[in-house]
Amino acid sequence: MGRVLILACAIMLIVEGAFPFFWPDQWRQTFRKITEFRTGQIRFFGFVALVLALILLVVAYV
């Protein structure tokens, strides 16, 4: 279980780090636009991300 958690964190950091490394200007513009979202919109996208992650976990372990 520990190895899987470390692997998942490593993959997440690779994906999260690739965007600002390869496309810093586009990343900055996107991040600036996201900060202009209303709180409800940000929560909605967070909720969708959580649901998709849970679905992926269920699919991976069933």
Protein backbone atom coordinates (compact mmCIF):
# COMPACT_ATOMS: atom_id res chain seq x y z
CA MET A 1 0.00 0.00 0.00
CA GLY A 2 2.82 2.39 0.83
CA ARG A 3 4.52 1.91 -2.52
CA VAL A 4 1.27 2.61 -4.37
CA LEU A 5 0.74 5.82 -2.37
CA ILE A 6 4.28 6.99 -3.14
CA LEU A 7 3.82 6.14 -6.82
CA ALA A 8 0.51 8.03 -6.95
CA CYS A 9 2.09 11.09 -5.32
CA ALA A 10 5.03 10.95 -7.74
CA ILE A 11 2.73 10.80 -10.78
CA MET A 12 0.66 13.69 -9.43
CA LEU A 13 3.78 15.80 -8.91
CA ILE A 14 5.02 15.01 -12.43
CA VAL A 15 1.72 16.13 -13.95
CA GLU A 16 1.47 19.19 -11.69
CA GLY A 17 5.06 20.23 -12.42
CA ALA A 18 4.97 19.67 -16.18
CA PHE A 19 2.57 22.50 -16.95
CA PRO A 20 4.46 25.35 -15.29
CA PHE A 21 7.79 23.93 -16.50
CA PHE A 22 6.93 23.52 -20.18
CA TRP A 23 4.25 26.22 -20.57
CA PRO A 24 4.80 28.85 -17.83
CA ASP A 25 2.99 31.72 -19.58
CA GLN A 26 -0.11 29.67 -20.38
CA TRP A 27 -0.08 28.21 -16.86
CA ARG A 28 0.06 31.71 -15.35
CA GLN A 29 -2.84 32.94 -17.53
CA THR A 30 -4.94 29.90 -16.67
CA PHE A 31 -4.18 30.28 -12.97
CA ARG A 32 -5.11 33.97 -13.13
CA LYS A 33 -8.45 33.09 -14.75
CA ILE A 34 -9.15 30.46 -12.12
CA THR A 35 -8.64 33.01 -9.33
CA GLU A 36 -11.47 35.06 -10.86
CA PHE A 37 -13.97 32.19 -10.50
CA ARG A 38 -16.68 32.48 -7.88
CA THR A 39 -16.39 30.29 -4.79
CA GLY A 40 -19.24 28.08 -5.96
CA GLN A 41 -17.53 27.43 -9.28
CA ILE A 42 -14.27 26.47 -7.58
CA ARG A 43 -16.12 24.13 -5.23
CA PHE A 44 -17.96 22.55 -8.16
CA PHE A 45 -14.71 21.78 -10.00
CA GLY A 46 -13.21 20.43 -6.77
CA PHE A 47 -16.25 18.20 -6.27
CA VAL A 48 -16.05 16.90 -9.84
CA ALA A 49 -12.34 16.13 -9.36
CA LEU A 50 -13.08 14.24 -6.13
CA VAL A 51 -15.87 12.20 -7.74
CA LEU A 52 -13.69 11.32 -10.73
CA ALA A 53 -10.84 10.28 -8.42
CA LEU A 54 -13.19 8.06 -6.40
CA ILE A 55 -14.53 6.46 -9.58
CA LEU A 56 -10.98 5.77 -10.75
CA LEU A 57 -10.13 4.20 -7.40
CA VAL A 58 -13.18 1.94 -7.56
CA VAL A 59 -12.40 0.93 -11.14
CA ALA A 60 -8.76 0.23 -10.26
CA TYR A 61 -9.60 -2.03 -7.31
CA VAL A 62 -12.62 -3.91 -8.66
